[in-house]
Each structure stands twice: as structure tokens, then as C-alpha cells.
Amino acid sequence: MTQTTGRFFDEIGKLITDAAGAADGVRKEVETIVRAQAERILRDLDIVQREEFEAVKAMAQKAREENDRLKARIAELEAAILEMDSDLSDQGPPRPIKRNKPKPSY
């Protein structure tokens, strides 16, 4: 009787182990199906992938920095023009440029 009970528990143990393995396989299969379905839905919605988003974000940051640099350069140039204008106005009105008239050739 002891041997029969031991075999019985061994068989139940094997059955439970097999059931756990089968459940794990089903879980992995369901996970794969859900992941594929989610990817299909996201692809249909035209959602941007993370890598593409990061690349565009970096490009936008670089463009902002360039824009700020150019704004500063424009401000410098405008200040220089104003300084030139003030220097010229201190000298009085501009003198007309004398040009030599070309001699007629006959």
C-alpha cells in the first residue's frame, strides 16, 4: 500500500509539473499574440517610434541653439550699424561724390 501511494503522488507531481509547463507555454503564446496585435495597432495609428522621436528631438534642439546663436549675431550687427550711423551723424551731412565726366571720343 505504501508503494501505491508513493506512485500516486509521483504521478500527481508529474501531472502538476506538466500542467505548469503547459500553462507557461500558453502564457508565452498569449504574450506573443498580444504583443503582435499591439504592434499592429500602433503601426496603423502612425505612432512614432522612440528612436525616431529622439532623433527629431535632437535636431530640434540643435536648430534652437543655432537660432539663438543667429539672434545674438544679428543683435551684434545691428548694434554695429547703429554705432556707425551715430559716428556718421557726428561728422555732419555726407559730401557728394565728385565723378569725372567721361570725355567724348570722336
Protein backbone atom coordinates (compact mmCIF):
# COMPACT_ATOMS: atom_id res chain seq x y z
CA MET A 1 0.00 0.00 0.00
CA THR A 2 2.82 2.41 0.71
CA GLN A 3 4.27 1.88 -2.71
CA THR A 4 0.97 2.58 -4.43
CA THR A 5 0.53 5.82 -2.53
CA GLY A 6 4.07 6.90 -3.43
CA ARG A 7 3.46 6.18 -7.10
CA PHE A 8 0.19 8.05 -6.92
CA PHE A 9 1.88 11.16 -5.54
CA ASP A 10 4.67 10.85 -8.13
CA GLU A 11 2.10 10.75 -10.90
CA ILE A 12 0.27 13.77 -9.45
CA GLY A 13 3.60 15.62 -9.18
CA LYS A 14 4.40 14.87 -12.82
CA LEU A 15 0.91 15.95 -13.83
CA ILE A 16 1.25 19.24 -11.95
CA THR A 17 4.70 19.83 -13.44
CA ASP A 18 3.40 19.15 -16.93
CA ALA A 19 0.40 21.43 -16.31
CA ALA A 20 2.71 24.21 -15.09
CA GLY A 21 4.88 23.81 -18.19
CA ALA A 22 1.83 23.87 -20.44
CA ALA A 23 0.50 26.96 -18.64
CA ASP A 24 3.85 28.68 -19.11
CA GLY A 25 3.79 27.82 -22.80
CA VAL A 26 0.26 29.17 -23.14
CA ARG A 27 1.29 32.34 -21.30
CA LYS A 28 4.22 32.89 -23.67
CA GLU A 29 2.00 32.25 -26.70
CA VAL A 30 -0.67 34.70 -25.47
CA GLU A 31 2.04 37.26 -24.71
CA THR A 32 3.41 36.92 -28.26
CA ILE A 33 -0.04 37.29 -29.80
CA VAL A 34 -0.88 40.35 -27.66
CA ARG A 35 2.47 41.98 -28.46
CA ALA A 36 1.99 41.40 -32.20
CA GLN A 37 -1.54 42.78 -32.04
CA ALA A 38 -0.39 45.86 -30.09
CA GLU A 39 2.42 46.50 -32.59
CA ARG A 40 -0.07 46.23 -35.47
CA ILE A 41 -2.45 48.68 -33.81
CA LEU A 42 0.35 51.15 -33.09
CA ARG A 43 1.63 50.85 -36.66
CA ASP A 44 -1.88 51.52 -38.00
CA LEU A 45 -2.16 54.62 -35.79
CA ASP A 46 1.11 56.00 -37.23
CA ILE A 47 2.63 56.42 -33.78
CA VAL A 48 6.29 57.46 -33.90
CA GLN A 49 8.87 55.03 -32.60
CA ARG A 50 11.06 56.12 -29.70
CA GLU A 51 14.27 56.21 -31.78
CA GLU A 52 12.68 58.47 -34.41
CA PHE A 53 11.29 60.75 -31.71
CA GLU A 54 14.69 61.09 -30.04
CA ALA A 55 16.36 61.88 -33.38
CA VAL A 56 13.85 64.62 -34.20
CA LYS A 57 14.11 65.97 -30.66
CA ALA A 58 17.90 66.26 -31.03
CA MET A 59 17.50 68.00 -34.41
CA ALA A 60 15.03 70.50 -32.90
CA GLN A 61 17.40 71.24 -30.01
CA LYS A 62 20.26 71.85 -32.44
CA ALA A 63 18.04 74.16 -34.54
CA ARG A 64 17.04 76.13 -31.41
CA GLU A 65 20.68 76.57 -30.43
CA GLU A 66 21.54 77.73 -33.97
CA ASN A 67 18.58 80.12 -33.91
CA ASP A 68 19.75 81.61 -30.60
CA ARG A 69 23.29 81.99 -31.96
CA LEU A 70 22.00 83.75 -35.08
CA LYS A 71 19.79 86.07 -32.99
CA ALA A 72 22.82 87.10 -30.96
CA ARG A 73 24.84 87.69 -34.14
CA ILE A 74 22.04 89.85 -35.63
CA ALA A 75 21.92 91.91 -32.43
CA GLU A 76 25.69 92.46 -32.66
CA LEU A 77 25.44 93.55 -36.29
CA GLU A 78 22.53 95.89 -35.57
CA ALA A 79 24.48 97.46 -32.71
CA ALA A 80 27.48 97.93 -35.01
CA ILE A 81 25.26 99.59 -37.66
CA LEU A 82 23.76 101.94 -35.08
CA GLU A 83 27.26 102.82 -33.89
CA MET A 84 28.36 103.56 -37.49
CA ASP A 85 25.26 105.68 -38.06
CA SER A 86 25.94 107.69 -34.91
CA ASP A 87 29.59 108.20 -35.96
CA LEU A 88 28.49 109.40 -39.40
CA SER A 89 25.87 111.77 -37.99
CA ASP A 90 28.55 113.35 -35.76
CA GLN A 91 30.55 114.22 -38.91
CA GLY A 92 27.72 116.16 -40.49
CA PRO A 93 25.89 115.51 -43.74
CA PRO A 94 27.65 113.34 -46.26
CA ARG A 95 29.57 115.10 -49.01
CA PRO A 96 28.55 114.41 -52.55
CA ILE A 97 30.92 112.24 -54.52
CA LYS A 98 32.61 114.03 -57.41
CA ARG A 99 32.77 112.00 -60.51
CA ASN A 100 34.78 112.82 -63.55
CA LYS A 101 32.69 113.05 -66.63
CA PRO A 102 34.00 110.83 -69.38
CA LYS A 103 35.46 112.68 -72.31
CA PRO A 104 33.61 112.14 -75.52
CA SER A 105 35.54 110.18 -78.07
CA TYR A 106 35.11 111.32 -81.66
